PDB file of N, CA and C in Angstrom:
ATOM      1  N   MET A   1     -21.622  14.226   4.764  1.00  0.00           N
ATOM      2  CA  MET A   1     -22.725  15.109   5.038  1.00  0.00           C
ATOM      3  C   MET A   1     -22.676  15.594   6.480  1.00  0.00           C
ATOM      4  N   THR A   2     -22.354  14.688   7.379  1.00  0.00           N
ATOM      5  CA  THR A   2     -22.309  15.054   8.790  1.00  0.00           C
ATOM      6  C   THR A   2     -21.241  16.111   9.040  1.00  0.00           C
ATOM      7  N   MET A   3     -20.097  15.951   8.387  1.00  0.00           N
ATOM      8  CA  MET A   3     -19.019  16.925   8.551  1.00  0.00           C
ATOM      9  C   MET A   3     -19.444  18.291   8.039  1.00  0.00           C
ATOM     10  N   ASN A   4     -20.155  18.345   6.929  1.00  0.00           N
ATOM     11  CA  ASN A   4     -20.598  19.621   6.377  1.00  0.00           C
ATOM     12  C   ASN A   4     -21.569  20.314   7.321  1.00  0.00           C
ATOM     13  N   ILE A   5     -22.500  19.561   7.912  1.00  0.00           N
ATOM     14  CA  ILE A   5     -23.450  20.147   8.857  1.00  0.00           C
ATOM     15  C   ILE A   5     -22.711  20.668  10.081  1.00  0.00           C
ATOM     16  N   ALA A   6     -21.742  19.908  10.578  1.00  0.00           N
ATOM     17  CA  ALA A   6     -20.989  20.331  11.753  1.00  0.00           C
ATOM     18  C   ALA A   6     -20.172  21.590  11.470  1.00  0.00           C
ATOM     19  N   VAL A   7     -19.548  21.672  10.300  1.00  0.00           N
ATOM     20  CA  VAL A   7     -18.739  22.851   9.955  1.00  0.00           C
ATOM     21  C   VAL A   7     -19.622  24.082   9.793  1.00  0.00           C
ATOM     22  N   VAL A   8     -20.747  23.943   9.120  1.00  0.00           N
ATOM     23  CA  VAL A   8     -21.655  25.087   8.940  1.00  0.00           C
ATOM     24  C   VAL A   8     -22.176  25.572  10.287  1.00  0.00           C
ATOM     25  N   THR A   9     -22.520  24.645  11.167  1.00  0.00           N
ATOM     26  CA  THR A   9     -22.997  25.027  12.496  1.00  0.00           C
ATOM     27  C   THR A   9     -21.904  25.728  13.291  1.00  0.00           C
ATOM     28  N   LEU A  10     -20.690  25.203  13.244  1.00  0.00           N
ATOM     29  CA  LEU A  10     -19.564  25.805  13.958  1.00  0.00           C
ATOM     30  C   LEU A  10     -19.277  27.220  13.460  1.00  0.00           C
ATOM     31  N   VAL A  11     -19.255  27.397  12.149  1.00  0.00           N
ATOM     32  CA  VAL A  11     -18.981  28.712  11.580  1.00  0.00           C
ATOM     33  C   VAL A  11     -20.091  29.689  11.941  1.00  0.00           C
ATOM     34  N   PHE A  12     -21.330  29.256  11.832  1.00  0.00           N
ATOM     35  CA  PHE A  12     -22.461  30.138  12.137  1.00  0.00           C
ATOM     36  C   PHE A  12     -22.464  30.556  13.607  1.00  0.00           C
ATOM     37  N   LEU A  13     -22.292  29.595  14.508  1.00  0.00           N
ATOM     38  CA  LEU A  13     -22.319  29.933  15.930  1.00  0.00           C
ATOM     39  C   LEU A  13     -21.119  30.788  16.341  1.00  0.00           C
ATOM     40  N   SER A  14     -19.952  30.515  15.790  1.00  0.00           N
ATOM     41  CA  SER A  14     -18.791  31.327  16.151  1.00  0.00           C
ATOM     42  C   SER A  14     -18.909  32.736  15.592  1.00  0.00           C
ATOM     43  N   CYS A  15     -19.546  32.888  14.437  1.00  0.00           N
ATOM     44  CA  CYS A  15     -19.778  34.245  13.915  1.00  0.00           C
ATOM     45  C   CYS A  15     -20.737  35.017  14.814  1.00  0.00           C
ATOM     46  N   LEU A  16     -21.738  34.320  15.348  1.00  0.00           N
ATOM     47  CA  LEU A  16     -22.666  34.988  16.255  1.00  0.00           C
ATOM     48  C   LEU A  16     -21.999  35.374  17.572  1.00  0.00           C
ATOM     49  N   VAL A  17     -21.155  34.503  18.098  1.00  0.00           N
ATOM     50  CA  VAL A  17     -20.541  34.742  19.411  1.00  0.00           C
ATOM     51  C   VAL A  17     -19.359  35.700  19.315  1.00  0.00           C
ATOM     52  N   MET A  18     -18.412  35.422  18.401  1.00  0.00           N
ATOM     53  CA  MET A  18     -17.186  36.207  18.339  1.00  0.00           C
ATOM     54  C   MET A  18     -17.253  37.346  17.326  1.00  0.00           C
ATOM     55  N   GLY A  19     -18.118  37.233  16.349  1.00  0.00           N
ATOM     56  CA  GLY A  19     -18.190  38.256  15.323  1.00  0.00           C
ATOM     57  C   GLY A  19     -17.273  37.996  14.143  1.00  0.00           C
ATOM     58  N   LEU A  20     -16.398  37.005  14.254  1.00  0.00           N
ATOM     59  CA  LEU A  20     -15.473  36.653  13.181  1.00  0.00           C
ATOM     60  C   LEU A  20     -15.577  35.160  12.885  1.00  0.00           C
ATOM     61  N   PRO A  21     -15.494  34.789  11.623  1.00  0.00           N
ATOM     62  CA  PRO A  21     -15.525  33.349  11.316  1.00  0.00           C
ATOM     63  C   PRO A  21     -14.196  32.693  11.701  1.00  0.00           C
ATOM     64  N   PRO A  22     -14.228  31.446  12.191  1.00  0.00           N
ATOM     65  CA  PRO A  22     -12.994  30.782  12.600  1.00  0.00           C
ATOM     66  C   PRO A  22     -12.150  30.302  11.422  1.00  0.00           C
ATOM     67  N   PHE A  23     -12.775  30.116  10.263  1.00  0.00           N
ATOM     68  CA  PHE A  23     -12.080  29.631   9.075  1.00  0.00           C
ATOM     69  C   PHE A  23     -12.313  30.600   7.927  1.00  0.00           C
ATOM     70  N   ASN A  24     -11.302  30.749   7.085  1.00  0.00           N
ATOM     71  CA  ASN A  24     -11.539  31.518   5.872  1.00  0.00           C
ATOM     72  C   ASN A  24     -11.982  30.567   4.762  1.00  0.00           C
ATOM     73  N   VAL A  25     -12.204  31.085   3.582  1.00  0.00           N
ATOM     74  CA  VAL A  25     -12.746  30.287   2.488  1.00  0.00           C
ATOM     75  C   VAL A  25     -11.808  29.148   2.096  1.00  0.00           C
ATOM     76  N   ILE A  26     -10.524  29.405   2.088  1.00  0.00           N
ATOM     77  CA  ILE A  26      -9.558  28.372   1.706  1.00  0.00           C
ATOM     78  C   ILE A  26      -9.571  27.222   2.707  1.00  0.00           C
ATOM     79  N   HIS A  27      -9.670  27.522   3.999  1.00  0.00           N
ATOM     80  CA  HIS A  27      -9.754  26.461   5.006  1.00  0.00           C
ATOM     81  C   HIS A  27     -10.986  25.596   4.777  1.00  0.00           C
ATOM     82  N   LEU A  28     -12.125  26.237   4.515  1.00  0.00           N
ATOM     83  CA  LEU A  28     -13.362  25.482   4.295  1.00  0.00           C
ATOM     84  C   LEU A  28     -13.271  24.614   3.048  1.00  0.00           C
ATOM     85  N   LEU A  29     -12.652  25.128   2.001  1.00  0.00           N
ATOM     86  CA  LEU A  29     -12.494  24.331   0.786  1.00  0.00           C
ATOM     87  C   LEU A  29     -11.607  23.110   1.028  1.00  0.00           C
ATOM     88  N   TRP A  30     -10.526  23.290   1.777  1.00  0.00           N
ATOM     89  CA  TRP A  30      -9.644  22.159   2.062  1.00  0.00           C
ATOM     90  C   TRP A  30     -10.342  21.126   2.944  1.00  0.00           C
ATOM     91  N   MET A  31     -11.105  21.582   3.934  1.00  0.00           N
ATOM     92  CA  MET A  31     -11.834  20.631   4.777  1.00  0.00           C
ATOM     93  C   MET A  31     -12.833  19.831   3.949  1.00  0.00           C
ATOM     94  N   ASN A  32     -13.544  20.498   3.065  1.00  0.00           N
ATOM     95  CA  ASN A  32     -14.519  19.818   2.218  1.00  0.00           C
ATOM     96  C   ASN A  32     -13.819  18.836   1.279  1.00  0.00           C
ATOM     97  N   LEU A  33     -12.688  19.238   0.712  1.00  0.00           N
ATOM     98  CA  LEU A  33     -11.948  18.364  -0.188  1.00  0.00           C
ATOM     99  C   LEU A  33     -11.467  17.104   0.528  1.00  0.00           C
ATOM    100  N   VAL A  34     -10.897  17.270   1.711  1.00  0.00           N
ATOM    101  CA  VAL A  34     -10.391  16.118   2.463  1.00  0.00           C
ATOM    102  C   VAL A  34     -11.531  15.174   2.826  1.00  0.00           C
ATOM    103  N   MET A  35     -12.643  15.705   3.309  1.00  0.00           N
ATOM    104  CA  MET A  35     -13.751  14.844   3.708  1.00  0.00           C
ATOM    105  C   MET A  35     -14.372  14.140   2.509  1.00  0.00           C
ATOM    106  N   ASP A  36     -14.468  14.803   1.372  1.00  0.00           N
ATOM    107  CA  ASP A  36     -15.032  14.167   0.179  1.00  0.00           C
ATOM    108  C   ASP A  36     -14.108  13.093  -0.369  1.00  0.00           C
ATOM    109  N   VAL A  37     -12.809  13.331  -0.320  1.00  0.00           N
ATOM    110  CA  VAL A  37     -11.855  12.327  -0.802  1.00  0.00           C
ATOM    111  C   VAL A  37     -11.906  11.087   0.086  1.00  0.00           C
ATOM    112  N   LEU A  38     -11.971  11.278   1.399  1.00  0.00           N
ATOM    113  CA  LEU A  38     -12.048  10.134   2.297  1.00  0.00           C
ATOM    114  C   LEU A  38     -13.325   9.339   2.078  1.00  0.00           C
ATOM    115  N   ALA A  39     -14.437  10.018   1.835  1.00  0.00           N
ATOM    116  CA  ALA A  39     -15.697   9.319   1.561  1.00  0.00           C
ATOM    117  C   ALA A  39     -15.614   8.547   0.254  1.00  0.00           C
ATOM    118  N   ALA A  40     -15.019   9.136  -0.770  1.00  0.00           N
ATOM    119  CA  ALA A  40     -14.893   8.452  -2.055  1.00  0.00           C
ATOM    120  C   ALA A  40     -13.986   7.237  -1.940  1.00  0.00           C
ATOM    121  N   ILE A  41     -12.916   7.346  -1.170  1.00  0.00           N
ATOM    122  CA  ILE A  41     -12.023   6.204  -0.983  1.00  0.00           C
ATOM    123  C   ILE A  41     -12.741   5.075  -0.251  1.00  0.00           C
ATOM    124  N   SER A  42     -13.542   5.425   0.738  1.00  0.00           N
ATOM    125  CA  SER A  42     -14.246   4.371   1.478  1.00  0.00           C
ATOM    126  C   SER A  42     -15.274   3.670   0.607  1.00  0.00           C
ATOM    127  N   ILE A  43     -15.903   4.392  -0.297  1.00  0.00           N
ATOM    128  CA  ILE A  43     -16.875   3.767  -1.207  1.00  0.00           C
ATOM    129  C   ILE A  43     -16.154   2.919  -2.244  1.00  0.00           C
ATOM    130  N   CYS A  44     -15.055   3.412  -2.777  1.00  0.00           N
ATOM    131  CA  CYS A  44     -14.348   2.696  -3.845  1.00  0.00           C
ATOM    132  C   CYS A  44     -13.609   1.468  -3.353  1.00  0.00           C
ATOM    133  N   THR A  45     -13.276   1.408  -2.087  1.00  0.00           N
ATOM    134  CA  THR A  45     -12.538   0.247  -1.588  1.00  0.00           C
ATOM    135  C   THR A  45     -13.465  -0.853  -1.086  1.00  0.00           C
ATOM    136  N   GLU A  46     -14.761  -0.683  -1.248  1.00  0.00           N
ATOM    137  CA  GLU A  46     -15.699  -1.734  -0.861  1.00  0.00           C
ATOM    138  C   GLU A  46     -15.510  -2.932  -1.782  1.00  0.00           C
ATOM    139  N   PRO A  47     -15.444  -4.134  -1.241  1.00  0.00           N
ATOM    140  CA  PRO A  47     -15.171  -5.291  -2.097  1.00  0.00           C
ATOM    141  C   PRO A  47     -16.302  -5.549  -3.093  1.00  0.00           C
ATOM    142  N   PHE A  48     -15.934  -6.000  -4.265  1.00  0.00           N
ATOM    143  CA  PHE A  48     -16.889  -6.304  -5.321  1.00  0.00           C
ATOM    144  C   PHE A  48     -17.428  -7.709  -5.099  1.00  0.00           C
ATOM    145  N   ASP A  49     -18.735  -7.850  -5.094  1.00  0.00           N
ATOM    146  CA  ASP A  49     -19.367  -9.136  -4.826  1.00  0.00           C
ATOM    147  C   ASP A  49     -19.686  -9.844  -6.141  1.00  0.00           C
ATOM    148  N   THR A  50     -19.094 -11.015  -6.356  1.00  0.00           N
ATOM    149  CA  THR A  50     -19.318 -11.760  -7.598  1.00  0.00           C
ATOM    150  C   THR A  50     -20.106 -13.040  -7.361  1.00  0.00           C
ATOM    151  N   ASN A  51     -20.749 -13.151  -6.233  1.00  0.00           N
ATOM    152  CA  ASN A  51     -21.508 -14.346  -5.905  1.00  0.00           C
ATOM    153  C   ASN A  51     -22.789 -14.389  -6.753  1.00  0.00           C
ATOM    154  N   PRO A  52     -22.987 -15.406  -7.611  1.00  0.00           N
ATOM    155  CA  PRO A  52     -24.168 -15.442  -8.473  1.00  0.00           C
ATOM    156  C   PRO A  52     -25.460 -15.619  -7.694  1.00  0.00           C
ATOM    157  N   LYS A  53     -25.397 -16.223  -6.505  1.00  0.00           N
ATOM    158  CA  LYS A  53     -26.614 -16.385  -5.708  1.00  0.00           C
ATOM    159  C   LYS A  53     -27.141 -15.034  -5.250  1.00  0.00           C
ATOM    160  N   ARG A  54     -26.254 -14.130  -4.886  1.00  0.00           N
ATOM    161  CA  ARG A  54     -26.672 -12.809  -4.435  1.00  0.00           C
ATOM    162  C   ARG A  54     -27.208 -11.969  -5.585  1.00  0.00           C
ATOM    163  N   GLU A  55     -26.725 -12.187  -6.803  1.00  0.00           N
ATOM    164  CA  GLU A  55     -27.243 -11.448  -7.948  1.00  0.00           C
ATOM    165  C   GLU A  55     -28.713 -11.770  -8.163  1.00  0.00           C
ATOM    166  N   LYS A  56     -29.087 -13.031  -7.983  1.00  0.00           N
ATOM    167  CA  LYS A  56     -30.493 -13.411  -8.120  1.00  0.00           C
ATOM    168  C   LYS A  56     -31.328 -12.787  -7.016  1.00  0.00           C
ATOM    169  N   GLU A  57     -30.787 -12.738  -5.807  1.00  0.00           N
ATOM    170  CA  GLU A  57     -31.504 -12.117  -4.694  1.00  0.00           C
ATOM    171  C   GLU A  57     -31.675 -10.620  -4.924  1.00  0.00           C
ATOM    172  N   ASN A  58     -30.643  -9.963  -5.436  1.00  0.00           N
ATOM    173  CA  ASN A  58     -30.715  -8.522  -5.668  1.00  0.00           C
ATOM    174  C   ASN A  58     -31.681  -8.180  -6.788  1.00  0.00           C
ATOM    175  N   SER A  59     -31.863  -9.052  -7.743  1.00  0.00           N
ATOM    176  CA  SER A  59     -32.789  -8.756  -8.837  1.00  0.00           C
ATOM    177  C   SER A  59     -34.229  -8.797  -8.369  1.00  0.00           C
ATOM    178  N   LYS A  60     -34.496  -9.454  -7.243  1.00  0.00           N
ATOM    179  CA  LYS A  60     -35.857  -9.540  -6.707  1.00  0.00           C
ATOM    180  C   LYS A  60     -36.210  -8.348  -5.830  1.00  0.00           C
ATOM    181  N   LEU A  61     -35.248  -7.474  -5.543  1.00  0.00           N
ATOM    182  CA  LEU A  61     -35.506  -6.326  -4.676  1.00  0.00           C
ATOM    183  C   LEU A  61     -36.442  -5.332  -5.337  1.00  0.00           C
ATOM    184  N   LYS A  62     -37.209  -4.631  -4.523  1.00  0.00           N
ATOM    185  CA  LYS A  62     -38.147  -3.639  -5.030  1.00  0.00           C
ATOM    186  C   LYS A  62     -37.386  -2.422  -5.553  1.00  0.00           C
ATOM    187  N   ARG A  63     -37.799  -1.912  -6.695  1.00  0.00           N
ATOM    188  CA  ARG A  63     -37.149  -0.733  -7.265  1.00  0.00           C
ATOM    189  C   ARG A  63     -37.532   0.509  -6.477  1.00  0.00           C
ATOM    190  N   ILE A  64     -36.633   1.476  -6.468  1.00  0.00           N
ATOM    191  CA  ILE A  64     -36.869   2.732  -5.758  1.00  0.00           C
ATOM    192  C   ILE A  64     -37.414   3.743  -6.754  1.00  0.00           C
ATOM    193  N   SER A  65     -38.473   4.419  -6.376  1.00  0.00           N
ATOM    194  CA  SER A  65     -39.096   5.402  -7.253  1.00  0.00           C
ATOM    195  C   SER A  65     -38.276   6.691  -7.277  1.00  0.00           C
ATOM    196  N   ARG A  66     -38.372   7.415  -8.370  1.00  0.00           N
ATOM    197  CA  ARG A  66     -37.678   8.710  -8.460  1.00  0.00           C
ATOM    198  C   ARG A  66     -38.298   9.741  -7.541  1.00  0.00           C
ATOM    199  N   LYS A  67     -39.532   9.527  -7.137  1.00  0.00           N
ATOM    200  CA  LYS A  67     -40.229  10.479  -6.272  1.00  0.00           C
ATOM    201  C   LYS A  67     -39.902  10.265  -4.800  1.00  0.00           C
ATOM    202  N   ASP A  68     -39.236   9.165  -4.478  1.00  0.00           N
ATOM    203  CA  ASP A  68     -38.863   8.907  -3.090  1.00  0.00           C
ATOM    204  C   ASP A  68     -37.799   9.896  -2.627  1.00  0.00           C
ATOM    205  N   ASN A  69     -37.774  10.137  -1.321  1.00  0.00           N
ATOM    206  CA  ASN A  69     -36.751  11.008  -0.734  1.00  0.00           C
ATOM    207  C   ASN A  69     -35.391  10.337  -0.795  1.00  0.00           C
ATOM    208  N   ILE A  70     -34.355  11.147  -0.972  1.00  0.00           N
ATOM    209  CA  ILE A  70     -33.000  10.607  -0.981  1.00  0.00           C
ATOM    210  C   ILE A  70     -32.618  10.154   0.422  1.00  0.00           C
ATOM    211  N   PHE A  71     -32.933  10.951   1.415  1.00  0.00           N
ATOM    212  CA  PHE A  71     -32.647  10.607   2.801  1.00  0.00           C
ATOM    213  C   PHE A  71     -33.934  10.152   3.464  1.00  0.00           C
ATOM    214  N   ASN A  72     -33.960   8.910   3.939  1.00  0.00           N
ATOM    215  CA  ASN A  72     -35.133   8.431   4.655  1.00  0.00           C
ATOM    216  C   ASN A  72     -34.971   8.721   6.151  1.00  0.00           C
ATOM    217  N   THR A  73     -35.967   8.345   6.929  1.00  0.00           N
ATOM    218  CA  THR A  73     -35.932   8.675   8.360  1.00  0.00           C
ATOM    219  C   THR A  73     -34.796   7.952   9.075  1.00  0.00           C
ATOM    220  N   PHE A  74     -34.461   6.751   8.639  1.00  0.00           N
ATOM    221  CA  PHE A  74     -33.354   6.013   9.248  1.00  0.00           C
ATOM    222  C   PHE A  74     -32.042   6.772   9.051  1.00  0.00           C
ATOM    223  N   MET A  75     -31.834   7.338   7.864  1.00  0.00           N
ATOM    224  CA  MET A  75     -30.601   8.081   7.592  1.00  0.00           C
ATOM    225  C   MET A  75     -30.543   9.354   8.419  1.00  0.00           C
ATOM    226  N   TRP A  76     -31.652  10.096   8.490  1.00  0.00           N
ATOM    227  CA  TRP A  76     -31.658  11.325   9.285  1.00  0.00           C
ATOM    228  C   TRP A  76     -31.427  11.028  10.761  1.00  0.00           C
ATOM    229  N   ARG A  77     -31.945   9.879  11.221  1.00  0.00           N
ATOM    230  CA  ARG A  77     -31.732   9.504  12.606  1.00  0.00           C
ATOM    231  C   ARG A  77     -30.258   9.275  12.912  1.00  0.00           C
ATOM    232  N   ASN A  78     -29.480   8.862  11.921  1.00  0.00           N
ATOM    233  CA  ASN A  78     -28.053   8.659  12.106  1.00  0.00           C
ATOM    234  C   ASN A  78     -27.235   9.916  11.843  1.00  0.00           C
ATOM    235  N   ILE A  79     -27.658  10.750  10.893  1.00  0.00           N
ATOM    236  CA  ILE A  79     -26.888  11.941  10.497  1.00  0.00           C
ATOM    237  C   ILE A  79     -26.977  13.033  11.555  1.00  0.00           C
ATOM    238  N   LEU A  80     -28.159  13.341  12.015  1.00  0.00           N
ATOM    239  CA  LEU A  80     -28.332  14.483  12.918  1.00  0.00           C
ATOM    240  C   LEU A  80     -27.621  14.326  14.266  1.00  0.00           C
ATOM    241  N   PRO A  81     -27.687  13.188  14.939  1.00  0.00           N
ATOM    242  CA  PRO A  81     -26.925  13.083  16.202  1.00  0.00           C
ATOM    243  C   PRO A  81     -25.411  13.194  15.980  1.00  0.00           C
ATOM    244  N   MET A  82     -24.907  12.672  14.865  1.00  0.00           N
ATOM    245  CA  MET A  82     -23.471  12.800  14.595  1.00  0.00           C
ATOM    246  C   MET A  82     -23.098  14.252  14.351  1.00  0.00           C
ATOM    247  N   ALA A  83     -23.968  15.005  13.691  1.00  0.00           N
ATOM    248  CA  ALA A  83     -23.691  16.423  13.447  1.00  0.00           C
ATOM    249  C   ALA A  83     -23.719  17.199  14.764  1.00  0.00           C
ATOM    250  N   VAL A  84     -24.625  16.850  15.668  1.00  0.00           N
ATOM    251  CA  VAL A  84     -24.690  17.526  16.964  1.00  0.00           C
ATOM    252  C   VAL A  84     -23.450  17.199  17.783  1.00  0.00           C
ATOM    253  N   PHE A  85     -23.015  15.946  17.711  1.00  0.00           N
ATOM    254  CA  PHE A  85     -21.817  15.527  18.450  1.00  0.00           C
ATOM    255  C   PHE A  85     -20.608  16.287  17.962  1.00  0.00           C
TER     256      PHE A  85
END
């Protein structure tokens, strides 16, 4: 997500300053593909936890409502500074 915000900001600002976009559509598609593949690999390589004690602890956790926001304030606090950087 951070990479997408940074790319959109870069393209928008460079179009305003130079009048031409720095990347064409194919470049943007490849950047998005590479970043999504890397994110999927990082999620898929997370170790699987088979500890039965943790399963009992996880079952006691509060369920998340469908009406809740996908991004909470903690996530936005981490995403936005990385996008600015």
